[in-house]
Amino acid sequence: MKRFFFTLLLAITLGATTSALACTNFIITKGASTDGSILVSYAADSHQLYGCLYKYNPLKKMPKMMPVTEWDTGKYMGDIPTVATTYSTVGNMNEHSLIITETTFGGREELYDPKGIMDYGSLIYITLQRAKTAREAIQTIVDLANTYGYASSGESFSIADTNEAWIMELIGKGADDKGIVWVARRIPDGYVCAHANQARITTFPLSDKENCLYAPDVISFARKKGYFNGKDEEFSFSDAYAPLDFSAMRACEARVWAFYRSIADDMEKYEDFAMGYNKDNRMPLWVKPSKKISPKQVFDGMRDHYEGTKMDMTKDLGAGGHGLPYRWRPMSWKVDDKTYVNERAIATQQTGFWVVGQARPGKTGILWFGVDDAATSCLTPIYCNTTKAPECMAEGNGSMLEYTPTSAFWLFNRVTNFAYMRYDMMSTDIRKVVDKWENEMLQEVEKVDAKAASMSAKAQKKYLTEYSCSTAQTLFENWSRLDKYLLLKYMDGNVKSEHKDVLSYVFDGNDKPSHFVENGNGKQIPDKIQFPGYNEKWKRAVAADNGKVLESK
């Protein structure tokens, strides 16, 4: 989704007034993962996106035409012909374990085509219905965009199946040239790639069709437009179609750096690039991790706020008295004549949904799915051959303008928004629940796999659908108990003492008044209430600002 600029909000389409959006993707090849699976993460970040799990089942009788609706806005774009065979999809994964996710880099505004039909979201979800493999998906995306016109700005796609993973970058040709220019690179096995709203493919091999595919006019079109005039082998897709600027590095590439530094050696040398100070010190497109990466590491990588770096969002005064790692929009602000920026971390408050797709050779793929802010939400396993979405995550169960108590999106948002008030304490409780759930699910799916392996294809699909739906509903019920727990424990800025921690309340069924410390008179009146106050940085700042009035004589 769309990238945040610090100086302005990039509109979804030229002239539009809709707020810009932003996303983050990690791609882990099977040789880089602990279990030999390919993992692709994606946070669909938006101020207006409702978090639900999209589900498509092929129709027994296909109509001749199908409508295309712009994903961001819901606008009807036009009709295109259907195809005879389509595949079931759940979220950003299909029944063959094909995964497609994205981040929008925007790029040169003059290359937007107002006559195009295929927006980037439609490219993803229609391609998932029509392609089995990553290479088929690349060709399908190209065919759809070139045939019907491309209706979005520059886009990076993560595309993976059970065997290989690719990063594909594309942009339109403007109002006078239909279609796209593009390049796709296969990520070497054993390596990790990432992108976050900035084009990352620079130069690429021109004669390696096994590992690099590109539009025949990707270089000549850039020459025609005056974006490039060097030798073909010197051509850089990013430099031609999405040149770096401060915001591209600080708001976008910095997120890639944050992940790379957590898994690979010697990444601190790119700190000045990530902070937007040195565009000549560009990071590599992919890195080799110092050791193999587990699915749980990928989950947790999506929860980063630059902790341990100069950009750590929990440390400066903007974090308030409780270490809140978020800054409300806009992304830039002024004091006197100077402009300052708010950091844009991997985890952000305006996430609609987030996923980690897991394509597993020899096994049914899993879409680990969650809603809302990744740092304070949880992933649950959804098998890619499921025939329906869990009720709590299904389309139609609520919207951004309609609250419903059966919606996971609204439940998780309620918990998270409450946690923002006293983040240093409440997020610790939430994270205990997150870690217990995800670690147990990672172990449990191994047992589910073993049981499913002995079933017929029809029975397996039924079993995995029931498991996916019932497990998601269990998560919903757990989070409902967590919601009550946080309100009981932290209401009015106080902190109630308890006999056991949050895990007992949420998972063990101990959601009774006796969980908390009572004064002994049998009237359910709390005892040993704590008043932890604010952190030291906040106290010193307030004293410096208004100490003459507040000082106790």
Protein backbone atom coordinates (compact mmCIF):
# COMPACT_ATOMS: atom_id res chain seq x y z
CA MET A 1 0.00 0.00 0.00
CA LYS A 2 0.92 3.62 -0.46
CA ARG A 3 4.05 5.21 0.96
CA PHE A 4 4.07 8.14 3.38
CA PHE A 5 6.03 11.17 2.30
CA PHE A 6 7.08 13.53 5.04
CA THR A 7 6.45 16.66 3.01
CA LEU A 8 3.08 15.58 1.65
CA LEU A 9 0.64 12.70 1.60
CA LEU A 10 0.92 10.85 -1.69
CA ALA A 11 -2.60 10.32 -3.00
CA ILE A 12 -3.78 6.93 -4.19
CA THR A 13 -4.41 8.40 -7.62
CA LEU A 14 -3.31 11.72 -9.06
CA GLY A 15 -5.52 14.48 -7.79
CA ALA A 16 -7.20 12.29 -5.19
CA THR A 17 -7.59 13.52 -1.64
CA THR A 18 -7.59 10.11 0.05
CA SER A 19 -4.89 9.65 2.68
CA ALA A 20 -1.85 7.68 1.63
CA LEU A 21 -1.19 4.15 2.77
CA ALA A 22 1.91 2.11 3.59
CA CYS A 23 2.95 -1.54 3.99
CA THR A 24 5.92 -3.77 4.80
CA ASN A 25 6.96 -7.16 3.33
CA PHE A 26 9.61 -9.72 4.33
CA ILE A 27 10.49 -12.65 2.05
CA ILE A 28 12.36 -15.65 3.48
CA THR A 29 13.48 -18.35 1.04
CA LYS A 30 13.26 -22.01 2.03
CA GLY A 31 17.03 -22.30 2.43
CA ALA A 32 16.91 -19.42 4.93
CA SER A 33 14.10 -20.83 7.10
CA THR A 34 14.40 -23.31 9.94
CA ASP A 35 11.69 -25.61 8.57
CA GLY A 36 12.39 -25.38 4.84
CA SER A 37 9.26 -23.35 4.12
CA ILE A 38 9.08 -20.10 2.18
CA LEU A 39 7.68 -17.27 4.31
CA VAL A 40 6.23 -13.97 3.12
CA SER A 41 4.99 -11.35 5.59
CA TYR A 42 2.68 -8.46 4.82
CA ALA A 43 1.10 -5.66 6.83
CA ALA A 44 -1.80 -4.00 5.00
CA ASP A 45 -1.49 -0.57 6.57
CA SER A 46 -4.16 2.01 5.93
CA HIS A 47 -6.23 4.67 7.66
CA GLN A 48 -9.36 3.32 5.98
CA LEU A 49 -8.88 -0.43 5.42
CA TYR A 50 -11.12 -2.78 7.37
CA GLY A 51 -9.29 -5.89 8.54
CA CYS A 52 -11.02 -9.04 7.31
CA LEU A 53 -10.09 -12.30 5.60
CA TYR A 54 -11.03 -12.33 1.91
CA LYS A 55 -12.31 -15.69 0.69
CA TYR A 56 -12.92 -16.78 -2.92
CA ASN A 57 -14.34 -20.15 -3.97
CA PRO A 58 -14.60 -20.96 -7.71
CA LEU A 59 -18.08 -20.83 -9.14
CA LYS A 60 -19.56 -23.94 -10.73
CA LYS A 61 -20.75 -21.84 -13.64
CA MET A 62 -18.65 -18.82 -14.49
CA PRO A 63 -20.24 -15.72 -16.05
CA LYS A 64 -18.63 -14.41 -19.23
CA MET A 65 -17.47 -11.17 -17.61
CA MET A 66 -16.39 -10.08 -14.12
CA PRO A 67 -16.33 -6.60 -12.56
CA VAL A 68 -13.05 -5.06 -11.39
CA THR A 69 -13.30 -2.92 -8.26
CA GLU A 70 -10.43 -0.75 -7.03
CA TRP A 71 -9.25 -2.28 -3.77
CA ASP A 72 -8.43 0.95 -1.93
CA THR A 73 -11.59 2.88 -2.78
CA GLY A 74 -14.29 0.39 -3.80
CA LYS A 75 -14.65 2.23 -7.11
CA TYR A 76 -15.97 0.19 -10.06
CA MET A 77 -13.26 0.18 -12.74
CA GLY A 78 -14.81 -1.90 -15.54
CA ASP A 79 -15.40 -5.50 -16.64
CA ILE A 80 -12.94 -8.08 -17.94
CA PRO A 81 -13.54 -11.59 -19.36
CA THR A 82 -13.45 -14.51 -16.94
CA VAL A 83 -11.38 -17.66 -17.45
CA ALA A 84 -12.58 -21.26 -17.46
CA THR A 85 -10.56 -22.45 -14.46
CA THR A 86 -9.93 -20.56 -11.24
CA TYR A 87 -8.48 -21.57 -7.88
CA SER A 88 -9.78 -20.96 -4.38
CA THR A 89 -8.06 -18.24 -2.40
CA VAL A 90 -7.93 -17.15 1.22
CA GLY A 91 -6.46 -13.73 1.87
CA ASN A 92 -3.19 -13.34 -0.04
CA MET A 93 -2.72 -17.07 -0.68
CA ASN A 94 -4.38 -19.62 -2.94
CA GLU A 95 -5.00 -23.36 -2.65
CA HIS A 96 -1.68 -24.13 -4.39
CA SER A 97 0.28 -22.16 -1.74
CA LEU A 98 0.94 -19.28 -4.12
CA ILE A 99 1.46 -16.08 -2.09
CA ILE A 100 1.26 -12.52 -3.44
CA THR A 101 1.68 -9.40 -1.29
CA GLU A 102 2.72 -5.82 -2.00
CA THR A 103 3.99 -2.42 -1.02
CA THR A 104 3.42 0.72 -3.08
CA PHE A 105 6.40 2.92 -3.91
CA GLY A 106 4.54 5.52 -5.92
CA GLY A 107 7.37 6.57 -8.25
CA ARG A 108 7.02 9.09 -11.03
CA GLU A 109 3.56 10.61 -10.90
CA GLU A 110 3.38 11.24 -14.65
CA LEU A 111 3.35 7.46 -15.24
CA TYR A 112 -0.11 7.02 -13.73
CA ASP A 113 -2.69 5.98 -16.35
CA PRO A 114 -6.18 7.43 -15.66
CA LYS A 115 -7.71 5.08 -18.25
CA GLY A 116 -6.42 1.85 -16.68
CA ILE A 117 -8.75 -0.80 -15.27
CA MET A 118 -6.41 -3.01 -13.23
CA ASP A 119 -5.40 -1.51 -9.90
CA TYR A 120 -2.70 -3.22 -7.83
CA GLY A 121 -5.17 -4.92 -5.48
CA SER A 122 -7.13 -6.41 -8.37
CA LEU A 123 -3.87 -7.65 -9.89
CA ILE A 124 -3.13 -9.54 -6.67
CA TYR A 125 -6.48 -11.17 -6.06
CA ILE A 126 -7.34 -11.96 -9.69
CA THR A 127 -3.87 -13.41 -10.24
CA LEU A 128 -4.24 -15.63 -7.16
CA GLN A 129 -7.40 -17.04 -8.77
CA ARG A 130 -5.64 -17.77 -12.07
CA ALA A 131 -2.04 -18.84 -11.36
CA LYS A 132 -0.49 -21.89 -9.66
CA THR A 133 3.16 -20.86 -9.44
CA ALA A 134 5.21 -17.72 -8.89
CA ARG A 135 6.37 -17.64 -12.52
CA GLU A 136 2.80 -18.07 -13.75
CA ALA A 137 1.77 -15.24 -11.43
CA ILE A 138 4.40 -12.88 -12.85
CA GLN A 139 3.16 -13.54 -16.38
CA THR A 140 -0.48 -13.20 -15.35
CA ILE A 141 0.17 -9.83 -13.71
CA VAL A 142 1.94 -8.62 -16.86
CA ASP A 143 -0.82 -9.88 -19.16
CA LEU A 144 -3.61 -8.32 -17.07
CA ALA A 145 -1.88 -4.93 -16.75
CA ASN A 146 -0.86 -4.74 -20.40
CA THR A 147 -4.26 -5.90 -21.71
CA TYR A 148 -6.56 -3.77 -19.57
CA GLY A 149 -4.31 -0.91 -18.48
CA TYR A 150 -2.72 -0.34 -15.08
CA ALA A 151 -4.64 1.94 -12.73
CA SER A 152 -2.20 2.45 -9.83
CA SER A 153 1.20 3.99 -9.15
CA GLY A 154 4.49 2.11 -8.75
CA GLU A 155 4.29 -1.21 -6.95
CA SER A 156 6.56 -3.86 -5.44
CA PHE A 157 5.18 -7.41 -5.24
CA SER A 158 6.36 -10.38 -3.18
CA ILE A 159 5.50 -13.52 -5.14
CA ALA A 160 6.26 -17.00 -3.81
CA ASP A 161 5.27 -20.65 -4.13
CA THR A 162 6.61 -23.79 -2.48
CA ASN A 163 9.82 -23.72 -4.52
CA GLU A 164 10.92 -20.14 -5.11
CA ALA A 165 10.36 -16.53 -4.16
CA TRP A 166 10.52 -13.40 -6.31
CA ILE A 167 10.40 -9.65 -5.91
CA MET A 168 8.67 -7.91 -8.82
CA GLU A 169 8.53 -4.14 -9.35
CA LEU A 170 6.36 -2.37 -11.87
CA ILE A 171 4.99 1.02 -12.83
CA GLY A 172 2.60 2.32 -15.48
CA LYS A 173 3.52 4.20 -18.65
CA GLY A 174 1.26 7.21 -18.28
CA ALA A 175 -1.87 8.33 -20.09
CA ASP A 176 -0.41 7.88 -23.57
CA ASP A 177 1.14 4.41 -23.24
CA LYS A 178 -0.96 1.47 -22.07
CA GLY A 179 0.50 -1.16 -19.76
CA ILE A 180 3.54 -1.42 -17.49
CA VAL A 181 7.31 -1.54 -17.39
CA TRP A 182 8.60 -4.05 -14.89
CA VAL A 183 11.40 -6.27 -13.62
CA ALA A 184 11.27 -9.41 -11.45
CA ARG A 185 14.20 -11.01 -9.65
CA ARG A 186 14.32 -14.47 -8.11
CA ILE A 187 15.70 -14.30 -4.57
CA PRO A 188 18.63 -16.72 -4.22
CA ASP A 189 17.84 -19.67 -1.98
CA GLY A 190 19.25 -19.15 1.49
CA TYR A 191 18.71 -15.37 1.32
CA VAL A 192 16.15 -12.93 2.67
CA CYS A 193 14.60 -9.94 0.92
CA ALA A 194 12.30 -7.14 2.08
CA HIS A 195 10.57 -4.04 0.72
CA ALA A 196 8.63 -1.21 2.31
CA ASN A 197 7.17 1.36 -0.10
CA GLN A 198 10.34 2.13 -2.03
CA ALA A 199 11.49 0.45 -5.25
CA ARG A 200 14.50 -1.70 -4.34
CA ILE A 201 15.62 -3.30 -7.62
CA THR A 202 18.51 -1.33 -9.05
CA THR A 203 20.70 -2.92 -11.76
CA PHE A 204 19.84 -6.46 -12.83
CA PRO A 205 21.25 -9.20 -15.12
CA LEU A 206 20.06 -8.84 -18.70
CA SER A 207 20.78 -12.42 -19.81
CA ASP A 208 19.64 -14.66 -16.95
CA LYS A 209 16.07 -15.71 -17.75
CA GLU A 210 16.13 -18.32 -14.99
CA ASN A 211 16.56 -15.70 -12.28
CA CYS A 212 15.57 -12.37 -13.83
CA LEU A 213 12.59 -11.43 -15.98
CA TYR A 214 11.72 -7.97 -17.28
CA ALA A 215 9.66 -6.02 -19.79
CA PRO A 216 11.34 -5.79 -23.19
CA ASP A 217 10.99 -2.00 -23.11
CA VAL A 218 11.89 -1.40 -19.45
CA ILE A 219 15.12 0.35 -20.50
CA SER A 220 14.06 1.86 -23.83
CA PHE A 221 10.97 3.43 -22.26
CA ALA A 222 13.13 5.06 -19.59
CA ARG A 223 15.36 6.46 -22.35
CA LYS A 224 12.32 7.76 -24.22
CA LYS A 225 11.07 9.56 -21.10
CA GLY A 226 14.50 11.01 -20.32
CA TYR A 227 14.98 9.03 -17.10
CA PHE A 228 18.14 7.24 -18.28
CA ASN A 229 20.89 7.73 -20.86
CA GLY A 230 23.68 5.30 -19.94
CA LYS A 231 24.62 1.81 -21.07
CA ASP A 232 22.00 -0.92 -20.79
CA GLU A 233 24.00 -2.84 -18.19
CA GLU A 234 24.11 0.30 -16.01
CA PHE A 235 20.32 0.69 -15.95
CA SER A 236 18.74 0.82 -12.48
CA PHE A 237 14.98 0.34 -12.25
CA SER A 238 14.70 2.19 -8.96
CA ASP A 239 16.85 5.15 -9.99
CA ALA A 240 14.91 5.56 -13.25
CA TYR A 241 11.35 5.10 -12.03
CA ALA A 242 11.46 5.87 -8.28
CA PRO A 243 14.53 7.97 -7.42
CA LEU A 244 15.54 8.01 -3.76
CA ASP A 245 14.81 11.01 -1.57
CA PHE A 246 14.95 11.57 2.18
CA SER A 247 11.48 10.16 2.85
CA ALA A 248 12.15 7.09 0.71
CA MET A 249 15.09 6.26 2.95
CA ARG A 250 13.82 7.38 6.36
CA ALA A 251 10.17 6.28 6.12
CA CYS A 252 10.60 3.27 3.86
CA GLU A 253 14.08 1.77 3.50
CA ALA A 254 14.61 2.20 7.23
CA ARG A 255 12.01 -0.51 7.83
CA VAL A 256 13.92 -2.91 5.60
CA TRP A 257 17.10 -2.03 7.49
CA ALA A 258 15.39 -2.65 10.84
CA PHE A 259 14.59 -6.21 9.79
CA TYR A 260 17.92 -6.88 8.07
CA ARG A 261 19.88 -5.76 11.13
CA SER A 262 17.95 -8.25 13.28
CA ILE A 263 18.89 -11.26 11.14
CA ALA A 264 22.16 -10.45 9.33
CA ASP A 265 25.64 -9.38 10.32
CA ASP A 266 27.29 -6.05 9.58
CA MET A 267 24.12 -4.08 8.85
CA GLU A 268 24.95 -1.18 11.17
CA LYS A 269 27.12 0.26 8.41
CA TYR A 270 23.92 1.20 6.56
CA GLU A 271 22.50 3.24 9.42
CA ASP A 272 23.19 6.58 7.70
CA PHE A 273 21.33 5.35 4.63
CA ALA A 274 18.32 4.20 6.67
CA MET A 275 18.19 7.56 8.43
CA GLY A 276 18.10 9.37 5.10
CA TYR A 277 21.54 10.96 5.30
CA ASN A 278 23.56 9.04 2.69
CA LYS A 279 21.80 7.67 -0.39
CA ASP A 280 25.12 6.51 -1.84
CA ASN A 281 25.42 3.91 0.96
CA ARG A 282 22.55 1.84 -0.39
CA MET A 283 21.64 -1.51 1.17
CA PRO A 284 21.71 -4.71 -0.90
CA LEU A 285 18.48 -6.03 -2.36
CA TRP A 286 18.77 -9.21 -0.29
CA VAL A 287 20.96 -10.45 2.58
CA LYS A 288 22.11 -13.80 3.89
CA PRO A 289 20.96 -14.28 7.49
CA SER A 290 23.56 -15.16 10.12
CA LYS A 291 21.43 -18.19 11.02
CA LYS A 292 18.22 -19.70 9.73
CA ILE A 293 15.00 -17.89 10.57
CA SER A 294 12.00 -19.44 12.30
CA PRO A 295 8.38 -18.53 11.54
CA LYS A 296 8.09 -16.97 15.02
CA GLN A 297 11.05 -14.67 14.22
CA VAL A 298 9.20 -13.48 11.15
CA PHE A 299 6.05 -12.89 13.21
CA ASP A 300 8.04 -10.86 15.75
CA GLY A 301 9.98 -8.99 13.07
CA MET A 302 6.68 -7.41 12.04
CA ARG A 303 6.39 -5.93 15.54
CA ASP A 304 9.48 -3.71 15.37
CA HIS A 305 9.54 -0.01 16.39
CA TYR A 306 13.28 0.56 15.79
CA GLU A 307 14.04 -0.65 19.31
CA GLY A 308 17.77 -0.46 20.02
CA THR A 309 18.50 2.11 17.28
CA LYS A 310 18.78 5.89 17.15
CA MET A 311 15.21 5.92 15.84
CA ASP A 312 13.83 3.93 18.81
CA MET A 313 10.27 5.21 19.16
CA THR A 314 9.92 4.20 22.81
CA LYS A 315 12.73 6.45 24.12
CA ASP A 316 12.19 10.07 23.19
CA LEU A 317 9.76 12.51 24.79
CA GLY A 318 7.24 11.84 22.05
CA ALA A 319 6.63 8.44 23.65
CA GLY A 320 5.04 10.20 26.60
CA GLY A 321 5.11 8.92 30.15
CA HIS A 322 4.54 5.27 29.18
CA GLY A 323 6.87 4.57 26.24
CA LEU A 324 4.25 4.62 23.47
CA PRO A 325 6.03 3.77 20.19
CA TYR A 326 3.53 5.60 17.98
CA ARG A 327 3.08 9.14 16.76
CA TRP A 328 -0.25 10.30 15.45
CA ARG A 329 -0.32 11.67 11.93
CA PRO A 330 0.70 13.78 10.09
CA MET A 331 4.20 12.45 9.55
CA SER A 332 5.88 15.85 9.62
CA TRP A 333 5.47 18.92 11.80
CA LYS A 334 7.07 22.35 12.25
CA VAL A 335 8.41 24.38 15.12
CA ASP A 336 9.32 27.90 14.09
CA ASP A 337 11.09 27.50 10.74
CA LYS A 338 12.28 23.93 11.19
CA THR A 339 10.53 20.77 9.94
CA TYR A 340 10.67 17.58 11.99
CA VAL A 341 9.50 14.04 11.27
CA ASN A 342 7.67 11.29 13.07
CA GLU A 343 9.19 7.87 12.48
CA ARG A 344 7.35 5.28 10.41
CA ALA A 345 8.19 1.88 11.91
CA ILE A 346 7.32 -1.63 10.73
CA ALA A 347 4.53 -1.97 13.29
CA THR A 348 1.98 0.81 13.04
CA GLN A 349 -1.37 1.66 14.58
CA GLN A 350 -3.29 1.84 11.31
CA THR A 351 -2.92 -1.77 10.16
CA GLY A 352 -6.06 -3.32 8.70
CA PHE A 353 -4.75 -6.87 8.62
CA TRP A 354 -1.36 -8.57 8.53
CA VAL A 355 -0.23 -12.00 7.41
CA VAL A 356 2.68 -14.38 7.20
CA GLY A 357 2.13 -16.76 4.31
CA GLN A 358 3.92 -20.08 4.73
CA ALA A 359 4.42 -22.15 1.57
CA ARG A 360 5.54 -25.59 2.72
CA PRO A 361 6.92 -28.16 0.27
CA GLY A 362 4.93 -31.38 0.55
CA LYS A 363 2.38 -29.89 2.95
CA THR A 364 -0.71 -27.70 2.75
CA GLY A 365 0.25 -24.05 3.02
CA ILE A 366 -0.75 -21.89 5.96
CA LEU A 367 -1.75 -18.24 5.99
CA TRP A 368 -0.99 -16.93 9.46
CA PHE A 369 -3.57 -14.16 9.73
CA GLY A 370 -4.14 -11.29 12.15
CA VAL A 371 -5.93 -7.96 12.33
CA ASP A 372 -4.90 -4.53 13.62
CA ASP A 373 -1.49 -3.39 14.94
CA ALA A 374 0.97 -6.30 14.69
CA ALA A 375 2.73 -5.32 17.92
CA THR A 376 -0.38 -5.92 20.02
CA SER A 377 -2.26 -8.50 17.97
CA CYS A 378 -1.92 -12.19 17.27
CA LEU A 379 -1.64 -14.50 14.25
CA THR A 380 -3.78 -17.59 13.86
CA PRO A 381 -3.24 -20.42 11.34
CA ILE A 382 -5.58 -20.55 8.33
CA TYR A 383 -4.89 -23.46 5.99
CA CYS A 384 -4.79 -22.35 2.37
CA ASN A 385 -7.34 -24.94 1.19
CA THR A 386 -10.02 -23.82 3.64
CA THR A 387 -13.47 -23.48 2.09
CA LYS A 388 -14.63 -20.61 4.29
CA ALA A 389 -13.37 -17.80 6.49
CA PRO A 390 -13.90 -17.78 10.27
CA GLU A 391 -17.01 -15.81 11.17
CA CYS A 392 -15.08 -13.36 13.36
CA MET A 393 -12.80 -12.47 10.43
CA ALA A 394 -15.20 -12.78 7.49
CA GLU A 395 -16.08 -10.04 5.03
CA GLY A 396 -19.37 -8.39 5.90
CA ASN A 397 -18.94 -8.77 9.65
CA GLY A 398 -18.63 -5.06 10.37
CA SER A 399 -16.88 -2.26 8.51
CA MET A 400 -14.84 0.85 9.24
CA LEU A 401 -18.15 2.65 9.76
CA GLU A 402 -20.03 -0.15 11.52
CA TYR A 403 -19.04 -1.65 14.86
CA THR A 404 -20.03 -5.24 15.55
CA PRO A 405 -19.22 -7.22 18.73
CA THR A 406 -18.56 -10.42 16.73
CA SER A 407 -15.74 -8.86 14.69
CA ALA A 408 -12.10 -9.69 15.47
CA PHE A 409 -11.04 -6.38 13.91
CA TRP A 410 -13.08 -4.34 16.37
CA LEU A 411 -12.15 -6.50 19.35
CA PHE A 412 -8.42 -6.25 18.65
CA ASN A 413 -8.70 -2.52 18.02
CA ARG A 414 -10.50 -1.99 21.31
CA VAL A 415 -7.78 -3.85 23.22
CA THR A 416 -4.96 -2.08 21.38
CA ASN A 417 -6.37 1.42 21.66
CA PHE A 418 -6.80 0.95 25.39
CA ALA A 419 -3.21 -0.29 25.62
CA TYR A 420 -1.95 2.91 23.97
CA MET A 421 -2.89 4.75 27.20
CA ARG A 422 -0.36 2.86 29.33
CA TYR A 423 1.69 1.06 26.74
CA ASP A 424 4.75 0.10 28.76
CA MET A 425 2.63 -1.99 31.13
CA MET A 426 -0.31 -3.20 29.09
CA SER A 427 1.75 -4.20 26.05
CA THR A 428 3.80 -6.48 28.32
CA ASP A 429 0.66 -8.34 29.36
CA ILE A 430 -0.57 -8.50 25.76
CA ARG A 431 2.77 -9.82 24.53
CA LYS A 432 2.67 -12.69 27.04
CA VAL A 433 -0.65 -13.78 25.54
CA VAL A 434 0.64 -13.33 21.98
CA ASP A 435 3.76 -15.42 22.56
CA LYS A 436 1.93 -18.24 24.32
CA TRP A 437 -0.70 -18.45 21.58
CA GLU A 438 1.67 -18.29 18.60
CA ASN A 439 4.20 -20.73 20.06
CA GLU A 440 1.45 -23.21 20.88
CA MET A 441 -0.09 -22.86 17.43
CA LEU A 442 3.26 -23.49 15.75
CA GLN A 443 3.51 -26.73 17.69
CA GLU A 444 -0.12 -27.65 17.20
CA VAL A 445 -0.09 -27.40 13.39
CA GLU A 446 2.52 -30.16 13.32
CA LYS A 447 -0.04 -32.48 14.94
CA VAL A 448 -2.76 -31.22 12.62
CA ASP A 449 -0.51 -31.88 9.60
CA ALA A 450 0.13 -35.44 10.75
CA LYS A 451 -3.57 -36.14 11.22
CA ALA A 452 -4.51 -34.57 7.88
CA ALA A 453 -1.86 -36.54 5.99
CA SER A 454 -3.80 -39.79 6.43
CA MET A 455 -7.06 -38.38 5.03
CA SER A 456 -8.51 -38.25 1.55
CA ALA A 457 -8.31 -34.88 -0.20
CA LYS A 458 -12.00 -34.20 0.47
CA ALA A 459 -11.83 -35.18 4.14
CA GLN A 460 -8.61 -33.24 4.60
CA LYS A 461 -10.12 -30.06 3.23
CA LYS A 462 -13.13 -30.42 5.55
CA TYR A 463 -10.92 -31.09 8.56
CA LEU A 464 -8.51 -28.22 7.88
CA THR A 465 -11.40 -25.82 7.28
CA GLU A 466 -13.00 -26.76 10.58
CA TYR A 467 -9.67 -26.48 12.37
CA SER A 468 -8.88 -23.05 10.87
CA CYS A 469 -12.29 -21.64 11.75
CA SER A 470 -12.56 -23.11 15.25
CA THR A 471 -9.01 -22.04 16.14
CA ALA A 472 -9.66 -18.47 15.01
CA GLN A 473 -12.82 -18.44 17.10
CA THR A 474 -10.86 -19.67 20.12
CA LEU A 475 -8.43 -16.79 19.62
CA PHE A 476 -11.39 -14.41 19.52
CA GLU A 477 -12.68 -15.79 22.82
CA ASN A 478 -9.23 -15.53 24.40
CA TRP A 479 -8.96 -11.92 23.29
CA SER A 480 -12.39 -11.18 24.74
CA ARG A 481 -11.08 -12.34 28.12
CA LEU A 482 -7.92 -10.28 27.63
CA ASP A 483 -10.10 -7.24 26.90
CA LYS A 484 -11.91 -7.66 30.24
CA TYR A 485 -8.66 -8.35 32.09
CA LEU A 486 -6.97 -5.16 30.91
CA LEU A 487 -9.97 -3.01 31.85
CA LEU A 488 -10.22 -4.58 35.28
CA LYS A 489 -6.51 -4.31 35.99
CA TYR A 490 -5.71 -0.85 34.58
CA MET A 491 -8.91 1.22 34.87
CA ASP A 492 -8.51 4.88 35.87
CA GLY A 493 -4.71 4.77 35.78
CA ASN A 494 -4.51 2.40 38.75
CA VAL A 495 -3.03 -1.09 38.67
CA LYS A 496 -4.71 -3.85 40.66
CA SER A 497 -2.55 -6.51 42.26
CA GLU A 498 -3.25 -10.09 41.20
CA HIS A 499 -2.55 -13.61 42.46
CA LYS A 500 -1.44 -14.90 39.03
CA ASP A 501 -0.58 -13.19 35.77
CA VAL A 502 -2.55 -12.57 32.60
CA LEU A 503 -1.96 -16.07 31.19
CA SER A 504 -3.97 -17.64 33.99
CA TYR A 505 -6.85 -15.25 33.38
CA VAL A 506 -6.93 -15.66 29.59
CA PHE A 507 -6.01 -19.31 29.02
CA ASP A 508 -6.83 -21.21 32.23
CA GLY A 509 -10.40 -20.01 32.68
CA ASN A 510 -9.52 -18.18 35.90
CA ASP A 511 -11.44 -15.06 34.83
CA LYS A 512 -13.05 -14.69 38.23
CA PRO A 513 -12.94 -11.85 40.79
CA SER A 514 -10.62 -14.06 42.87
CA HIS A 515 -7.89 -13.55 40.25
CA PHE A 516 -7.22 -10.12 41.75
CA VAL A 517 -6.15 -9.37 45.33
CA GLU A 518 -9.16 -8.66 47.58
CA ASN A 519 -9.04 -6.84 50.95
CA GLY A 520 -10.26 -9.90 52.90
CA ASN A 521 -13.72 -8.68 53.85
CA GLY A 522 -15.54 -10.78 51.26
CA LYS A 523 -17.04 -7.81 49.43
CA GLN A 524 -14.85 -8.01 46.28
CA ILE A 525 -13.07 -4.78 47.16
CA PRO A 526 -9.51 -4.67 45.79
CA ASP A 527 -6.47 -4.40 48.03
CA LYS A 528 -2.84 -3.43 47.39
CA ILE A 529 -3.72 -1.12 44.48
CA GLN A 530 -0.57 0.21 42.80
CA PHE A 531 0.09 3.74 41.52
CA PRO A 532 3.15 3.40 39.25
CA GLY A 533 3.06 6.94 37.85
CA TYR A 534 5.12 8.06 34.87
CA ASN A 535 8.63 7.35 33.62
CA GLU A 536 11.65 9.47 34.54
CA LYS A 537 11.96 11.24 31.19
CA TRP A 538 8.37 12.44 31.39
CA LYS A 539 8.75 13.66 34.98
CA ARG A 540 11.87 15.66 34.15
CA ALA A 541 10.25 17.16 31.07
CA VAL A 542 7.18 18.28 33.01
CA ALA A 543 9.36 19.68 35.78
CA ALA A 544 11.38 21.66 33.25
CA ASP A 545 8.23 22.92 31.53
CA ASN A 546 6.09 23.87 34.53
CA GLY A 547 8.16 23.21 37.63
CA LYS A 548 7.68 26.65 39.14
CA VAL A 549 3.94 26.04 39.39
CA LEU A 550 4.04 22.36 40.31
CA GLU A 551 6.92 22.37 42.80
CA SER A 552 5.91 21.31 46.32
CA LYS A 553 7.07 23.82 48.95
